[in-house]
């Protein structure tokens, strides 16, 4: 795969943290930045996909509510009890 060189500007503290992490991971700074950018892009795409899924489900009309079986039982019980009193 072809690579492209680019120059980026970072805050000094971020650069220093990247240096330490790259050394810990035994990768170059360039590879560390590539890994981080790949992860950022993957998360961004996942977020976009989730938004599309949520939008699609948001367009589905809510199902009509099923009647609560207890409502009918309550009415039936009430009519029986009222008749006895």
C-alpha atoms as a PDB file:
ATOM      1  CA  UNK A   1       0.000   0.000   0.000  1.00  0.00           C
ATOM      2  CA  UNK A   2       1.324   3.433  -0.858  1.00  0.00           C
ATOM      3  CA  UNK A   3       2.105   5.824   1.950  1.00  0.00           C
ATOM      4  CA  UNK A   4       1.889   9.585   2.005  1.00  0.00           C
ATOM      5  CA  UNK A   5       4.068  11.834   4.104  1.00  0.00           C
ATOM      6  CA  UNK A   6       2.385  14.662   5.918  1.00  0.00           C
ATOM      7  CA  UNK A   7       3.340  17.221   8.503  1.00  0.00           C
ATOM      8  CA  UNK A   8       1.097  17.805  11.498  1.00  0.00           C
ATOM      9  CA  UNK A   9       1.255  20.215  14.400  1.00  0.00           C
ATOM     10  CA  UNK A  10       0.666  18.940  17.929  1.00  0.00           C
ATOM     11  CA  UNK A  11       0.745  20.502  21.336  1.00  0.00           C
ATOM     12  CA  UNK A  12       4.069  19.695  22.942  1.00  0.00           C
ATOM     13  CA  UNK A  13       2.478  17.720  25.786  1.00  0.00           C
ATOM     14  CA  UNK A  14       0.541  15.551  23.309  1.00  0.00           C
ATOM     15  CA  UNK A  15       3.704  14.985  21.280  1.00  0.00           C
ATOM     16  CA  UNK A  16       5.578  13.899  24.407  1.00  0.00           C
ATOM     17  CA  UNK A  17       2.807  11.484  25.395  1.00  0.00           C
ATOM     18  CA  UNK A  18       2.849  10.052  21.866  1.00  0.00           C
ATOM     19  CA  UNK A  19       6.627   9.580  22.095  1.00  0.00           C
ATOM     20  CA  UNK A  20       6.297   7.647  25.345  1.00  0.00           C
ATOM     21  CA  UNK A  21       3.419   5.506  24.085  1.00  0.00           C
ATOM     22  CA  UNK A  22       5.150   4.735  20.784  1.00  0.00           C
ATOM     23  CA  UNK A  23       8.216   3.591  22.717  1.00  0.00           C
ATOM     24  CA  UNK A  24       6.081   1.425  25.022  1.00  0.00           C
ATOM     25  CA  UNK A  25       4.318  -0.136  22.042  1.00  0.00           C
ATOM     26  CA  UNK A  26       7.600  -0.473  20.138  1.00  0.00           C
ATOM     27  CA  UNK A  27       6.181   1.279  17.071  1.00  0.00           C
ATOM     28  CA  UNK A  28       7.205   4.439  15.285  1.00  0.00           C
ATOM     29  CA  UNK A  29       5.432   7.726  15.915  1.00  0.00           C
ATOM     30  CA  UNK A  30       4.045   7.489  12.403  1.00  0.00           C
ATOM     31  CA  UNK A  31       2.600   4.044  13.096  1.00  0.00           C
ATOM     32  CA  UNK A  32       1.130   5.209  16.415  1.00  0.00           C
ATOM     33  CA  UNK A  33      -0.583   8.144  14.707  1.00  0.00           C
ATOM     34  CA  UNK A  34      -1.835   5.865  11.926  1.00  0.00           C
ATOM     35  CA  UNK A  35      -3.279   3.443  14.513  1.00  0.00           C
ATOM     36  CA  UNK A  36      -4.979   6.298  16.360  1.00  0.00           C
ATOM     37  CA  UNK A  37      -6.411   7.765  13.146  1.00  0.00           C
ATOM     38  CA  UNK A  38      -7.681   4.354  11.984  1.00  0.00           C
ATOM     39  CA  UNK A  39      -9.446   3.894  15.335  1.00  0.00           C
ATOM     40  CA  UNK A  40     -10.929   7.395  15.198  1.00  0.00           C
ATOM     41  CA  UNK A  41     -12.261   6.819  11.668  1.00  0.00           C
ATOM     42  CA  UNK A  42     -13.697   3.404  12.658  1.00  0.00           C
ATOM     43  CA  UNK A  43     -15.516   4.959  15.633  1.00  0.00           C
ATOM     44  CA  UNK A  44     -16.782   7.814  13.472  1.00  0.00           C
ATOM     45  CA  UNK A  45     -18.203   5.376  10.909  1.00  0.00           C
ATOM     46  CA  UNK A  46     -19.811   3.314  13.679  1.00  0.00           C
ATOM     47  CA  UNK A  47     -21.404   6.463  15.116  1.00  0.00           C
ATOM     48  CA  UNK A  48     -22.767   7.380  11.681  1.00  0.00           C
ATOM     49  CA  UNK A  49     -24.149   3.870  11.227  1.00  0.00           C
ATOM     50  CA  UNK A  50     -25.811   3.983  14.637  1.00  0.00           C
ATOM     51  CA  UNK A  51     -27.411   7.329  13.774  1.00  0.00           C
ATOM     52  CA  UNK A  52     -28.769   5.850  10.530  1.00  0.00           C
ATOM     53  CA  UNK A  53     -30.134   2.807  12.359  1.00  0.00           C
ATOM     54  CA  UNK A  54     -31.756   4.990  15.024  1.00  0.00           C
ATOM     55  CA  UNK A  55     -33.268   7.218  12.333  1.00  0.00           C
ATOM     56  CA  UNK A  56     -34.660   4.180  10.498  1.00  0.00           C
ATOM     57  CA  UNK A  57     -36.234   2.770  13.641  1.00  0.00           C
ATOM     58  CA  UNK A  58     -37.538   6.198  14.573  1.00  0.00           C
ATOM     59  CA  UNK A  59     -39.614   6.231  11.382  1.00  0.00           C
ATOM     60  CA  UNK A  60     -41.441   3.002  12.247  1.00  0.00           C
ATOM     61  CA  UNK A  61     -44.846   3.809  13.725  1.00  0.00           C
ATOM     62  CA  UNK A  62     -45.350   2.519  17.222  1.00  0.00           C
ATOM     63  CA  UNK A  63     -47.324  -0.699  17.374  1.00  0.00           C
ATOM     64  CA  UNK A  64     -50.793  -0.377  18.799  1.00  0.00           C
ATOM     65  CA  UNK A  65     -50.791  -1.312  22.413  1.00  0.00           C
ATOM     66  CA  UNK A  66     -52.167  -4.683  23.292  1.00  0.00           C
ATOM     67  CA  UNK A  67     -55.024  -4.487  25.737  1.00  0.00           C
ATOM     68  CA  UNK A  68     -54.004  -5.423  29.242  1.00  0.00           C
ATOM     69  CA  UNK A  69     -55.660  -8.751  30.114  1.00  0.00           C
ATOM     70  CA  UNK A  70     -56.012  -7.584  33.694  1.00  0.00           C
ATOM     71  CA  UNK A  71     -58.317  -4.774  32.567  1.00  0.00           C
ATOM     72  CA  UNK A  72     -60.895  -7.268  31.335  1.00  0.00           C
ATOM     73  CA  UNK A  73     -60.514  -9.406  34.427  1.00  0.00           C
ATOM     74  CA  UNK A  74     -60.944  -6.368  36.658  1.00  0.00           C
ATOM     75  CA  UNK A  75     -64.137  -5.362  34.863  1.00  0.00           C
ATOM     76  CA  UNK A  76     -65.471  -8.915  35.073  1.00  0.00           C
ATOM     77  CA  UNK A  77     -64.624  -9.199  38.762  1.00  0.00           C
ATOM     78  CA  UNK A  78     -66.159  -5.786  39.460  1.00  0.00           C
ATOM     79  CA  UNK A  79     -69.463  -6.773  37.825  1.00  0.00           C
ATOM     80  CA  UNK A  80     -69.576 -10.022  39.829  1.00  0.00           C
ATOM     81  CA  UNK A  81     -68.818  -8.291  43.123  1.00  0.00           C
ATOM     82  CA  UNK A  82     -71.263  -5.427  42.503  1.00  0.00           C
ATOM     83  CA  UNK A  83     -74.006  -7.912  41.861  1.00  0.00           C
ATOM     84  CA  UNK A  84     -73.412  -9.611  45.214  1.00  0.00           C
ATOM     85  CA  UNK A  85     -73.389  -6.451  47.321  1.00  0.00           C
END
